Amino acid sequence: MTLNIGFIGLGNVGAKLAGSLLRNGAALTVLDLRRAAAEPLLAQGAKWGETPAQTARSCEITITCLPSPAASADALEGENGVLAGIGAGKIWAEMSSTDAEEARRLGAKVRANGGEAMDCPVSGGCHRAATGNISIFAAGEREVFERMLPALKMMGRRILHTGELGSASALKVMTNYLASVNLWSVCEALATAKAAGMCLNTCFEAIRISSGNSFVHETEGQVILNGSRDINFTMDLVAKDLSLFAAVARRAGADLRFLPLLQKIFDEGKKKYGDREWSPNIVRLLEEQINQKIQAPGFPPEITDTEQEEPGHEITPQGLKKQ
């Protein structure tokens, strides 16, 4: 049976997730503040949603994928928002990186209207969103998750049901925090190697085959060394995710030591290079310190997805995959 899905927010990640839905046979209605962002999808058969309310009214599932909690709140609660169109039997799925408490607050309003709510943030980068090979954390009632699962399988490859509403958003910002920690540590390692006169091509391979390897090194490390630093993710988004993780830690009573330092580093990067600078260009702080470019030949200007696996697996907390 064809899934009738509305998708609100066609940014760097949202447009790619919406493209996967369309490619895999969903009947798709799209909406963005910029009509131009929707044109490639409209040319492939998607419909244009006039308002969030109309989109929710006409679709079984309405997905929001927006740049901030405030933008999601406006899409739901604003004039002609999703809440005005959602009702019994319908699902709202929040795929933005957002605050767990905000996901619960908006979810409660959706339920009060008779609908169901999930938060379903993704992890893995724009290159994996484009190929449908991204990971998805999905939180909400198990019965709602089962209804949502066919749509999630159209967009992602590893799908983890994380528990109650809001838990996926908390896990998302935790994993983004870890990625940002790793990004800065990779920058420091490469800068040290450069300053010490080491070959950066050799350094990259040494890290890649060692216990110090990571997803961030293998992907972002390459575009750092290329010099493009283009991963479709900007410093203001790093700062947003760090602040959301700080809120999780604060509510949990966890006194974190490294997080404030990392926030200070990225605040300095934003001030020097601008909010919309690519996040791997945080390495420029170190390039300026050692007065050398941290670049090497033979690396690609963009991250590509070379990993292939069977589509649409649910992953249990024990790590077992189920078709």
Protein backbone atom coordinates (compact mmCIF):
# COMPACT_ATOMS: atom_id res chain seq x y z
CA MET A 1 0.00 0.00 0.00
CA THR A 2 1.36 3.41 -0.98
CA LEU A 3 2.31 5.59 2.00
CA ASN A 4 0.95 9.14 1.87
CA ILE A 5 3.61 11.28 3.55
CA GLY A 6 4.06 15.01 4.08
CA PHE A 7 7.57 16.41 4.51
CA ILE A 8 8.15 19.90 5.91
CA GLY A 9 11.69 21.29 5.74
CA LEU A 10 13.91 20.71 2.71
CA GLY A 11 17.33 21.75 3.97
CA ASN A 12 20.61 19.89 3.55
CA VAL A 13 19.33 16.71 5.22
CA GLY A 14 15.57 17.10 4.75
CA ALA A 15 15.69 17.30 0.97
CA LYS A 16 17.73 14.09 0.82
CA LEU A 17 15.39 12.20 3.18
CA ALA A 18 12.40 13.40 1.18
CA GLY A 19 14.16 12.24 -1.98
CA SER A 20 14.54 8.74 -0.52
CA LEU A 21 10.82 8.61 0.25
CA LEU A 22 9.96 9.61 -3.28
CA ARG A 23 12.50 7.22 -4.80
CA ASN A 24 11.04 4.34 -2.79
CA GLY A 25 7.45 4.87 -3.87
CA ALA A 26 5.84 7.13 -1.26
CA ALA A 27 3.13 9.58 -2.33
CA LEU A 28 4.93 12.71 -1.15
CA THR A 29 3.73 16.22 -0.32
CA VAL A 30 6.51 18.70 0.42
CA LEU A 31 6.70 22.16 1.97
CA ASP A 32 9.50 24.63 2.68
CA LEU A 33 9.78 28.37 3.20
CA ARG A 34 11.63 28.41 -0.13
CA ARG A 35 9.59 27.01 -3.01
CA ALA A 36 12.86 26.66 -4.98
CA ALA A 37 14.09 24.05 -2.51
CA ALA A 38 11.14 21.84 -3.48
CA GLU A 39 11.45 22.19 -7.26
CA PRO A 40 13.68 19.10 -7.83
CA LEU A 41 11.20 16.95 -5.88
CA LEU A 42 8.18 18.49 -7.57
CA ALA A 43 9.77 17.69 -10.94
CA GLN A 44 9.96 14.04 -9.83
CA GLY A 45 6.29 13.82 -8.88
CA ALA A 46 5.96 15.27 -5.39
CA LYS A 47 3.03 17.57 -4.60
CA TRP A 48 3.34 21.02 -3.06
CA GLY A 49 1.75 21.53 0.36
CA GLU A 50 0.22 24.98 0.67
CA THR A 51 0.44 25.10 4.48
CA PRO A 52 1.56 22.77 7.30
CA ALA A 53 -2.11 22.33 8.25
CA GLN A 54 -3.11 21.34 4.74
CA THR A 55 -0.14 18.98 4.51
CA ALA A 56 -1.06 17.25 7.78
CA ARG A 57 -4.73 17.11 6.80
CA SER A 58 -3.98 15.32 3.53
CA CYS A 59 -1.28 12.90 4.72
CA GLU A 60 -1.11 9.87 7.01
CA ILE A 61 2.35 10.86 8.27
CA THR A 62 3.69 14.41 8.55
CA ILE A 63 7.45 14.77 9.01
CA THR A 64 9.20 17.96 10.14
CA CYS A 65 12.95 18.36 9.54
CA LEU A 66 13.85 21.91 10.51
CA PRO A 67 16.93 23.82 11.70
CA SER A 68 15.88 24.61 15.28
CA PRO A 69 13.34 23.79 18.01
CA ALA A 70 11.82 27.23 17.46
CA ALA A 71 11.26 26.48 13.76
CA SER A 72 9.54 23.18 14.62
CA ALA A 73 7.34 24.87 17.20
CA ASP A 74 6.29 27.46 14.64
CA ALA A 75 5.53 24.77 12.04
CA LEU A 76 3.25 23.01 14.52
CA GLU A 77 1.75 25.81 16.60
CA GLY A 78 1.78 28.73 14.17
CA GLU A 79 -1.15 29.91 12.08
CA ASN A 80 -2.19 27.05 9.77
CA GLY A 81 0.32 24.83 11.58
CA VAL A 82 0.44 21.04 11.69
CA LEU A 83 -1.72 20.99 14.83
CA ALA A 84 -4.58 22.57 12.88
CA GLY A 85 -4.56 19.65 10.43
CA ILE A 86 -3.59 16.60 12.41
CA GLY A 87 -6.17 14.25 13.91
CA ALA A 88 -7.10 10.67 14.71
CA GLY A 89 -5.06 8.03 12.92
CA LYS A 90 -2.33 10.46 11.83
CA ILE A 91 1.33 10.58 12.91
CA TRP A 92 3.63 13.56 13.38
CA ALA A 93 7.31 12.57 13.19
CA GLU A 94 9.98 15.07 14.27
CA MET A 95 13.20 14.38 12.33
CA SER A 96 14.92 17.62 13.35
CA SER A 97 17.72 17.65 15.91
CA THR A 98 15.75 19.11 18.78
CA ASP A 99 15.37 19.29 22.55
CA ALA A 100 13.91 16.16 24.12
CA GLU A 101 11.55 18.15 26.35
CA GLU A 102 10.33 20.16 23.36
CA ALA A 103 9.63 16.93 21.46
CA ARG A 104 7.54 15.74 24.42
CA ARG A 105 5.72 19.08 24.73
CA LEU A 106 4.73 19.19 21.07
CA GLY A 107 3.96 15.46 21.11
CA ALA A 108 1.47 16.00 23.92
CA LYS A 109 -0.33 18.61 21.82
CA VAL A 110 -0.47 16.23 18.85
CA ARG A 111 -1.96 13.51 21.08
CA ALA A 112 -4.50 15.99 22.48
CA ASN A 113 -5.69 16.41 18.88
CA GLY A 114 -6.09 12.66 18.50
CA GLY A 115 -2.85 12.04 16.58
CA GLU A 116 0.36 10.20 17.49
CA ALA A 117 3.89 11.54 17.84
CA MET A 118 7.43 10.27 17.33
CA ASP A 119 10.86 11.87 17.31
CA CYS A 120 13.08 10.27 14.65
CA PRO A 121 16.39 12.14 14.23
CA VAL A 122 19.01 10.78 11.84
CA SER A 123 22.75 10.27 12.19
CA GLY A 124 25.49 9.65 9.65
CA GLY A 125 25.85 12.81 7.59
CA CYS A 126 24.37 14.28 4.42
CA HIS A 127 26.24 11.80 2.21
CA ARG A 128 24.37 8.91 3.83
CA ALA A 129 21.07 10.77 3.86
CA ALA A 130 21.44 11.09 0.08
CA THR A 131 21.88 7.35 -0.46
CA GLY A 132 19.32 6.18 2.11
CA ASN A 133 22.11 4.60 4.15
CA ILE A 134 21.63 6.79 7.21
CA SER A 135 20.87 5.64 10.76
CA ILE A 136 17.60 6.62 12.43
CA PHE A 137 16.78 6.80 16.13
CA ALA A 138 13.02 6.50 16.63
CA ALA A 139 11.18 7.19 19.89
CA GLY A 140 7.52 6.76 20.74
CA GLU A 141 4.98 4.10 21.54
CA ARG A 142 5.90 0.71 20.08
CA GLU A 143 2.63 0.43 18.16
CA VAL A 144 3.23 3.83 16.57
CA PHE A 145 6.82 2.84 15.76
CA GLU A 146 5.55 -0.27 13.96
CA ARG A 147 3.23 1.90 11.86
CA MET A 148 6.05 4.31 11.10
CA LEU A 149 8.65 1.63 10.35
CA PRO A 150 7.86 1.21 6.60
CA ALA A 151 8.51 4.92 6.07
CA LEU A 152 11.67 4.82 8.17
CA LYS A 153 12.95 1.90 6.09
CA MET A 154 12.53 4.02 2.96
CA MET A 155 14.89 6.65 4.40
CA GLY A 156 17.40 4.71 6.48
CA ARG A 157 19.33 1.46 6.87
CA ARG A 158 19.81 1.09 10.63
CA ILE A 159 16.71 1.90 12.65
CA LEU A 160 16.76 1.78 16.45
CA HIS A 161 13.62 2.09 18.57
CA THR A 162 14.95 4.02 21.56
CA GLY A 163 11.92 4.01 23.87
CA GLU A 164 9.61 6.78 25.02
CA LEU A 165 9.07 10.03 23.13
CA GLY A 166 12.07 12.36 23.50
CA SER A 167 14.66 9.62 24.06
CA ALA A 168 15.74 9.66 20.40
CA SER A 169 16.37 13.41 20.51
CA ALA A 170 18.50 13.05 23.64
CA LEU A 171 20.55 10.28 22.02
CA LYS A 172 20.94 12.28 18.81
CA VAL A 173 22.52 15.30 20.51
CA MET A 174 24.69 12.96 22.62
CA THR A 175 26.08 11.31 19.49
CA ASN A 176 26.56 14.71 17.81
CA TYR A 177 28.50 15.81 20.88
CA LEU A 178 30.76 12.78 20.50
CA ALA A 179 31.25 13.54 16.80
CA SER A 180 32.24 17.13 17.63
CA VAL A 181 34.68 15.97 20.29
CA ASN A 182 36.18 13.60 17.74
CA LEU A 183 36.32 16.33 15.06
CA TRP A 184 38.39 18.59 17.32
CA SER A 185 40.67 15.72 18.39
CA VAL A 186 41.27 14.78 14.72
CA CYS A 187 42.12 18.43 14.00
CA GLU A 188 44.60 18.48 16.88
CA ALA A 189 46.22 15.21 15.78
CA LEU A 190 46.63 16.37 12.17
CA ALA A 191 47.93 19.77 13.25
CA THR A 192 50.49 18.15 15.53
CA ALA A 193 51.62 15.83 12.74
CA LYS A 194 52.00 18.77 10.35
CA ALA A 195 53.93 20.87 12.86
CA ALA A 196 56.21 17.88 13.58
CA GLY A 197 57.03 17.52 9.89
CA MET A 198 55.21 14.23 9.34
CA CYS A 199 53.62 13.23 6.03
CA LEU A 200 49.87 13.85 6.44
CA ASN A 201 48.97 11.10 3.94
CA THR A 202 50.88 8.63 6.09
CA CYS A 203 49.37 10.10 9.24
CA PHE A 204 45.85 9.68 7.86
CA GLU A 205 46.49 6.00 7.09
CA ALA A 206 48.16 5.38 10.45
CA ILE A 207 45.08 6.67 12.25
CA ARG A 208 42.73 4.80 9.91
CA ILE A 209 44.28 1.39 10.67
CA SER A 210 44.76 2.05 14.39
CA SER A 211 42.79 2.07 17.62
CA GLY A 212 42.45 5.84 17.14
CA ASN A 213 40.29 5.44 14.04
CA SER A 214 36.71 6.71 13.87
CA PHE A 215 33.86 7.51 11.50
CA VAL A 216 34.74 11.20 11.78
CA HIS A 217 38.39 10.61 10.90
CA GLU A 218 37.54 8.49 7.87
CA THR A 219 35.01 11.01 6.53
CA GLU A 220 35.64 14.55 7.77
CA GLY A 221 39.37 13.92 8.03
CA GLN A 222 39.49 13.53 4.25
CA VAL A 223 37.79 16.84 3.43
CA ILE A 224 39.95 18.60 6.03
CA LEU A 225 43.06 17.36 4.22
CA ASN A 226 41.53 18.20 0.82
CA GLY A 227 40.97 21.77 2.01
CA SER A 228 37.31 21.99 0.96
CA ARG A 229 36.04 21.20 4.50
CA ASP A 230 32.59 20.76 2.90
CA ILE A 231 30.34 18.36 4.82
CA ASN A 232 27.07 20.34 4.53
CA PHE A 233 27.18 21.04 8.27
CA THR A 234 27.99 24.43 9.74
CA MET A 235 29.44 25.82 12.96
CA ASP A 236 26.14 27.28 14.14
CA LEU A 237 24.58 23.80 13.94
CA VAL A 238 27.42 22.35 16.00
CA ALA A 239 26.84 25.08 18.60
CA LYS A 240 23.10 24.37 18.61
CA ASP A 241 23.62 20.64 19.15
CA LEU A 242 26.17 21.25 21.90
CA SER A 243 23.69 23.52 23.71
CA LEU A 244 20.96 20.87 23.38
CA PHE A 245 23.30 18.23 24.83
CA ALA A 246 24.18 20.64 27.64
CA ALA A 247 20.46 20.86 28.45
CA VAL A 248 20.23 17.06 28.66
CA ALA A 249 23.24 16.98 30.99
CA ARG A 250 21.91 19.82 33.12
CA ARG A 251 18.53 18.15 33.62
CA ALA A 252 20.31 14.90 34.50
CA GLY A 253 22.56 16.65 37.04
CA ALA A 254 25.74 15.65 35.16
CA ASP A 255 28.66 18.05 35.66
CA LEU A 256 30.55 17.70 32.38
CA ARG A 257 34.17 18.83 32.09
CA PHE A 258 34.98 18.76 28.38
CA LEU A 259 31.69 20.13 27.00
CA PRO A 260 32.26 23.75 28.18
CA LEU A 261 35.73 23.73 26.57
CA LEU A 262 34.33 22.44 23.28
CA GLN A 263 31.61 25.10 23.33
CA LYS A 264 34.29 27.75 23.86
CA ILE A 265 36.30 26.41 20.90
CA PHE A 266 33.33 26.52 18.53
CA ASP A 267 32.21 29.92 19.82
CA GLU A 268 35.68 31.19 18.88
CA GLY A 269 35.35 29.56 15.45
CA LYS A 270 31.95 31.17 14.85
CA LYS A 271 33.25 34.57 15.88
CA LYS A 272 36.30 34.33 13.59
CA TYR A 273 34.86 32.59 10.54
CA GLY A 274 31.10 33.08 10.75
CA ASP A 275 28.09 31.06 11.85
CA ARG A 276 27.65 29.43 8.43
CA GLU A 277 31.26 28.31 7.97
CA TRP A 278 31.66 24.55 7.45
CA SER A 279 32.25 22.91 10.83
CA PRO A 280 35.54 21.14 9.85
CA ASN A 281 37.03 24.60 9.26
CA ILE A 282 37.44 24.77 13.02
CA VAL A 283 40.86 23.39 12.02
CA ARG A 284 41.74 26.93 10.90
CA LEU A 285 42.25 27.86 14.56
CA LEU A 286 45.13 25.38 14.59
CA GLU A 287 46.39 26.31 11.11
CA GLU A 288 46.77 29.89 12.29
CA GLN A 289 48.53 28.73 15.45
CA ILE A 290 51.18 26.65 13.63
CA ASN A 291 51.19 28.98 10.60
CA GLN A 292 50.80 26.06 8.18
CA LYS A 293 47.98 24.67 6.04
CA ILE A 294 46.78 21.24 7.18
CA GLN A 295 46.27 19.82 3.70
CA ALA A 296 47.57 16.94 1.61
CA PRO A 297 47.11 15.67 -1.96
CA GLY A 298 44.83 12.82 -3.01
CA PHE A 299 41.79 13.43 -0.80
CA PRO A 300 38.23 14.09 -2.10
CA PRO A 301 36.49 17.48 -1.81
CA GLU A 302 33.24 15.88 -0.57
CA ILE A 303 32.33 12.86 1.53
CA THR A 304 30.94 9.98 -0.49
CA ASP A 305 29.04 6.97 0.82
CA THR A 306 30.98 3.83 -0.05
CA GLU A 307 29.26 1.53 2.44
CA GLN A 308 26.66 -0.81 1.02
CA GLU A 309 24.25 -2.97 2.96
CA GLU A 310 20.79 -4.46 2.71
CA PRO A 311 18.02 -1.86 3.09
CA GLY A 312 15.86 -1.15 6.08
CA HIS A 313 17.04 -3.06 9.15
CA GLU A 314 15.62 -2.55 12.60
CA ILE A 315 18.32 -2.85 15.25
CA THR A 316 17.47 -4.00 18.77
CA PRO A 317 19.30 -2.66 21.83
CA GLN A 318 21.22 -5.96 21.79
CA GLY A 319 22.51 -5.13 18.32
CA LEU A 320 20.60 -7.87 16.51
CA LYS A 321 19.08 -6.97 13.19
CA LYS A 322 15.57 -7.96 12.17
CA GLN A 323 14.09 -7.59 8.70
